[in-house]
Protein backbone atom coordinates (compact mmCIF):
# COMPACT_ATOMS: atom_id res chain seq x y z
CA MET A 1 19.71 -70.22 46.42
CA VAL A 2 21.53 -72.13 43.76
CA LEU A 3 23.80 -74.01 46.33
CA ARG A 4 20.66 -74.71 48.30
CA VAL A 5 18.73 -76.52 45.58
CA ILE A 6 21.79 -78.45 44.17
CA ALA A 7 22.24 -79.65 47.91
CA GLU A 8 19.00 -81.64 47.82
CA GLU A 9 19.95 -83.46 44.62
CA ASP A 10 22.23 -83.01 41.56
CA MET A 11 20.44 -80.62 38.73
CA TYR A 12 21.17 -79.43 35.31
CA GLY A 13 20.69 -75.60 34.52
CA TYR A 14 17.38 -75.38 33.36
CA ARG A 15 15.83 -77.51 36.35
CA ILE A 16 17.87 -75.32 38.69
CA ILE A 17 16.13 -72.15 36.94
CA ARG A 18 12.81 -73.87 37.31
CA GLU A 19 12.99 -75.00 40.79
CA ILE A 20 14.16 -71.55 42.08
CA ALA A 21 11.10 -70.00 40.25
CA THR A 22 8.81 -72.73 41.54
CA ARG A 23 9.88 -72.37 45.24
CA SER A 24 9.89 -68.60 45.33
CA LYS A 25 6.37 -68.50 43.42
CA ASP A 26 8.11 -66.79 40.52
CA THR A 27 9.85 -64.02 42.50
CA PHE A 28 13.26 -65.27 41.38
CA LYS A 29 13.31 -65.73 37.58
CA LEU A 30 16.96 -66.59 36.77
CA ASN A 31 17.72 -66.70 32.97
CA GLU A 32 20.74 -68.68 31.58
CA GLY A 33 23.07 -65.62 31.49
CA THR A 34 22.62 -65.19 35.26
CA LEU A 35 22.71 -68.91 36.21
CA TYR A 36 25.59 -70.23 34.47
CA PRO A 37 28.27 -67.49 35.50
CA ILE A 38 27.26 -68.33 39.13
CA LEU A 39 27.64 -72.16 38.43
CA HIS A 40 31.16 -71.55 36.87
CA MET A 41 31.93 -69.34 39.61
CA LEU A 42 30.93 -71.91 42.28
CA GLU A 43 32.69 -74.56 40.43
CA LYS A 44 35.95 -72.57 40.15
CA GLU A 45 35.66 -72.07 44.10
CA GLY A 46 35.32 -75.99 44.65
CA HIS A 47 31.75 -75.61 46.04
CA VAL A 48 30.14 -77.68 43.00
CA THR A 49 31.52 -80.10 40.46
CA SER A 50 29.87 -80.98 37.08
CA TYR A 51 29.47 -83.94 35.03
CA ASP A 52 27.43 -85.10 32.00
CA GLY A 53 24.40 -86.98 32.30
CA GLN A 54 21.03 -87.60 30.87
CA SER A 55 17.78 -85.71 31.78
CA GLU A 56 14.47 -87.57 32.68
CA THR A 57 13.62 -87.17 28.95
CA GLY A 58 16.75 -88.92 28.02
CA ARG A 59 18.70 -85.51 26.61
CA SER A 60 22.12 -85.12 27.42
CA ARG A 61 22.81 -82.44 30.17
CA ARG A 62 25.47 -81.18 32.30
CA TYR A 63 24.56 -81.91 35.90
CA TYR A 64 26.04 -79.83 39.11
CA ARG A 65 26.70 -81.52 42.35
CA ILE A 66 27.44 -79.83 45.68
CA THR A 67 30.84 -80.68 47.33
CA VAL A 68 31.72 -81.10 51.10
CA GLN A 69 33.29 -77.77 50.71
CA GLY A 70 30.11 -76.54 49.18
CA LYS A 71 27.99 -77.75 51.69
CA LEU A 72 30.10 -76.02 54.38
CA HIS A 73 29.82 -72.77 52.51
CA LEU A 74 26.23 -73.27 52.23
CA ALA A 75 25.84 -73.69 55.86
CA ALA A 76 27.84 -70.64 56.80
CA ARG A 77 25.88 -68.35 53.98
CA MET A 78 22.52 -69.90 55.62
CA GLU A 79 23.71 -68.75 59.11
CA GLU A 80 24.60 -65.30 57.64
CA TRP A 81 21.26 -64.86 56.07
CA GLN A 82 19.36 -65.96 59.22
CA VAL A 83 21.21 -63.16 61.37
CA PHE A 84 20.46 -60.59 58.67
CA SER A 85 16.75 -61.83 58.18
CA ASP A 86 16.29 -61.45 61.90
CA ALA A 87 17.85 -57.88 62.13
CA VAL A 88 15.79 -56.86 59.20
CA THR A 89 12.69 -58.16 61.14
CA LEU A 90 13.52 -56.37 64.19
CA VAL A 91 13.89 -53.02 62.55
CA LEU A 92 10.78 -53.23 60.47
CA GLY A 93 8.87 -54.78 63.32
CA THR A 94 5.50 -56.45 63.14
CA GLU A 95 3.31 -54.83 65.57
CA GLY A 96 0.75 -52.61 64.07
CA VAL A 97 1.23 -54.01 60.72
């Protein structure tokens, strides 16, 4: 989910948290203690890079940008998720619900 929102535009941590919460209708409410280790791991693996910039309000922020390698990783994970999701749907079925 983190890579997906960053793939659309560079974002800073709090904005990533807000975006995921909004898109999931508050089902996923990440906190900083969860998000930043994910971002650091993604950066270490070469899936994102970071840089210092200013937010819309002019505050200094660390922004995260997806890399080409990150885009490939995201595409593979999204494909895996689709296979998994389809299989769960088949097991649970939709008839009689």
